[in-house]
Amino acid sequence: QVQLVESGGGRVQPGGSLRLSCAASGIFFSIYKMGWYRQAPGQQRELVALETNGGRTNYADSVMGRFTISREYAKNTVFLQMHSLKPEDTAVYYCNVESRGGLRYWGQGTQVTVSS
């Protein structure tokens, strides 16, 4: 059974930092990419950042230069370092893993709240 367990969410003041972690277990396929998505109330889930095998990364324009994604391949773990957080970054953040063939799994989500 594939499980993605996220941690690191919480409440932070504007300008603050958080680091999200996601560990995948029960993986029975070759992971092609791991990433983070987020969903704010009343909005669609959107890509935040992803990293494919080989280290190619893709970021949403809104987080470019503030967020950094990284992977620990041997442990099927992905991280999201977030700096200079803004109130508009408030959302539930979801971890995602995907194979080349389109298998896709999601974590349960972790809440990030940016508020003074």
Protein backbone atom coordinates (compact mmCIF):
# COMPACT_ATOMS: atom_id res chain seq x y z
CA GLN A 1 0.00 0.00 0.00
CA VAL A 2 1.47 3.30 -1.09
CA GLN A 3 1.54 5.91 1.65
CA LEU A 4 2.77 9.49 1.52
CA VAL A 5 3.23 11.08 4.92
CA GLU A 6 3.69 14.84 5.04
CA SER A 7 4.97 16.90 7.93
CA GLY A 8 6.19 20.39 8.67
CA GLY A 9 3.10 22.49 8.15
CA GLY A 10 1.91 25.06 10.64
CA ARG A 11 1.27 28.72 11.27
CA VAL A 12 3.87 31.35 10.55
CA GLN A 13 3.98 35.12 10.30
CA PRO A 14 4.43 36.83 6.94
CA GLY A 15 8.09 36.76 5.96
CA GLY A 16 8.69 33.57 7.88
CA SER A 17 9.89 30.17 6.75
CA LEU A 18 8.70 26.58 6.89
CA ARG A 19 10.08 23.29 5.62
CA LEU A 20 7.72 20.57 4.47
CA SER A 21 8.73 16.93 4.26
CA CYS A 22 7.06 13.98 2.58
CA ALA A 23 8.15 10.36 2.88
CA ALA A 24 6.73 7.78 0.49
CA SER A 25 6.48 4.14 1.48
CA GLY A 26 5.08 1.01 -0.14
CA ILE A 27 6.37 2.17 -3.51
CA PHE A 28 6.16 -0.66 -6.02
CA PHE A 29 6.97 1.34 -9.14
CA SER A 30 9.77 3.54 -10.38
CA ILE A 31 9.12 7.09 -9.29
CA TYR A 32 9.56 9.59 -12.12
CA LYS A 33 8.72 12.77 -10.26
CA MET A 34 7.82 14.00 -6.82
CA GLY A 35 6.25 17.31 -6.09
CA TRP A 36 4.07 19.59 -4.06
CA TYR A 37 0.66 21.00 -4.86
CA ARG A 38 -1.55 23.28 -2.80
CA GLN A 39 -5.21 24.09 -2.52
CA ALA A 40 -6.62 27.20 -0.89
CA PRO A 41 -10.28 27.38 0.18
CA GLY A 42 -12.55 27.79 -2.81
CA GLN A 43 -9.72 27.35 -5.28
CA GLN A 44 -8.44 24.55 -7.47
CA ARG A 45 -5.40 22.51 -6.53
CA GLU A 46 -2.33 23.99 -8.18
CA LEU A 47 1.25 22.94 -8.74
CA VAL A 48 3.78 24.51 -6.39
CA ALA A 49 6.96 22.68 -7.37
CA LEU A 50 8.13 19.35 -8.69
CA GLU A 51 11.38 17.57 -9.38
CA THR A 52 11.84 14.81 -11.92
CA ASN A 53 14.53 12.14 -11.86
CA GLY A 54 17.73 13.78 -12.91
CA GLY A 55 17.00 16.92 -10.96
CA ARG A 56 14.88 18.93 -13.39
CA THR A 57 12.62 21.25 -11.41
CA ASN A 58 9.48 23.20 -12.19
CA TYR A 59 8.05 25.96 -10.00
CA ALA A 60 4.89 28.01 -10.01
CA ASP A 61 5.67 31.61 -10.92
CA SER A 62 4.22 32.76 -7.61
CA VAL A 63 6.82 30.87 -5.56
CA MET A 64 9.88 31.23 -7.80
CA GLY A 65 12.85 32.45 -5.82
CA ARG A 66 11.17 31.83 -2.46
CA PHE A 67 10.57 28.07 -2.43
CA THR A 68 13.05 25.28 -3.10
CA ILE A 69 12.21 21.66 -3.75
CA SER A 70 14.66 18.85 -3.12
CA ARG A 71 14.58 15.08 -3.08
CA GLU A 72 16.36 12.37 -1.17
CA TYR A 73 16.13 9.64 -3.76
CA ALA A 74 17.31 6.73 -1.63
CA LYS A 75 14.56 7.39 0.89
CA ASN A 76 11.76 8.36 -1.54
CA THR A 77 11.50 11.65 0.29
CA VAL A 78 10.79 15.13 -0.99
CA PHE A 79 11.17 18.45 0.78
CA LEU A 80 9.84 21.94 0.20
CA GLN A 81 11.78 24.77 1.80
CA MET A 82 9.63 27.88 1.91
CA HIS A 83 11.00 31.34 2.64
CA SER A 84 9.46 34.83 2.61
CA LEU A 85 6.02 33.37 3.12
CA LYS A 86 3.03 35.51 2.22
CA PRO A 87 -0.61 35.32 3.35
CA GLU A 88 -1.50 34.15 -0.16
CA ASP A 89 0.63 31.05 0.41
CA THR A 90 -1.95 29.88 2.93
CA ALA A 91 -3.32 26.54 1.75
CA VAL A 92 -3.31 22.81 2.30
CA TYR A 93 -0.12 21.46 0.75
CA TYR A 94 -0.18 18.00 -0.82
CA CYS A 95 2.72 15.75 -1.67
CA ASN A 96 2.55 13.87 -4.97
CA VAL A 97 4.49 11.03 -6.57
CA GLU A 98 4.10 9.94 -10.16
CA SER A 99 5.48 7.27 -12.45
CA ARG A 100 6.23 7.71 -16.15
CA GLY A 101 3.20 5.60 -16.89
CA GLY A 102 0.87 7.95 -15.04
CA LEU A 103 0.47 6.24 -11.70
CA ARG A 104 -0.20 9.01 -9.24
CA TYR A 105 -0.49 9.08 -5.47
CA TRP A 106 -1.25 11.88 -3.02
CA GLY A 107 -0.54 12.57 0.59
CA GLN A 108 -3.23 13.56 3.05
CA GLY A 109 -2.18 17.19 3.04
CA THR A 110 -0.64 19.52 5.59
CA GLN A 111 -1.99 22.95 6.45
CA VAL A 112 0.20 26.01 6.01
CA THR A 113 -1.19 29.25 7.41
CA VAL A 114 0.60 32.56 6.95
CA SER A 115 -0.92 35.21 9.18
CA SER A 116 0.07 37.93 11.56
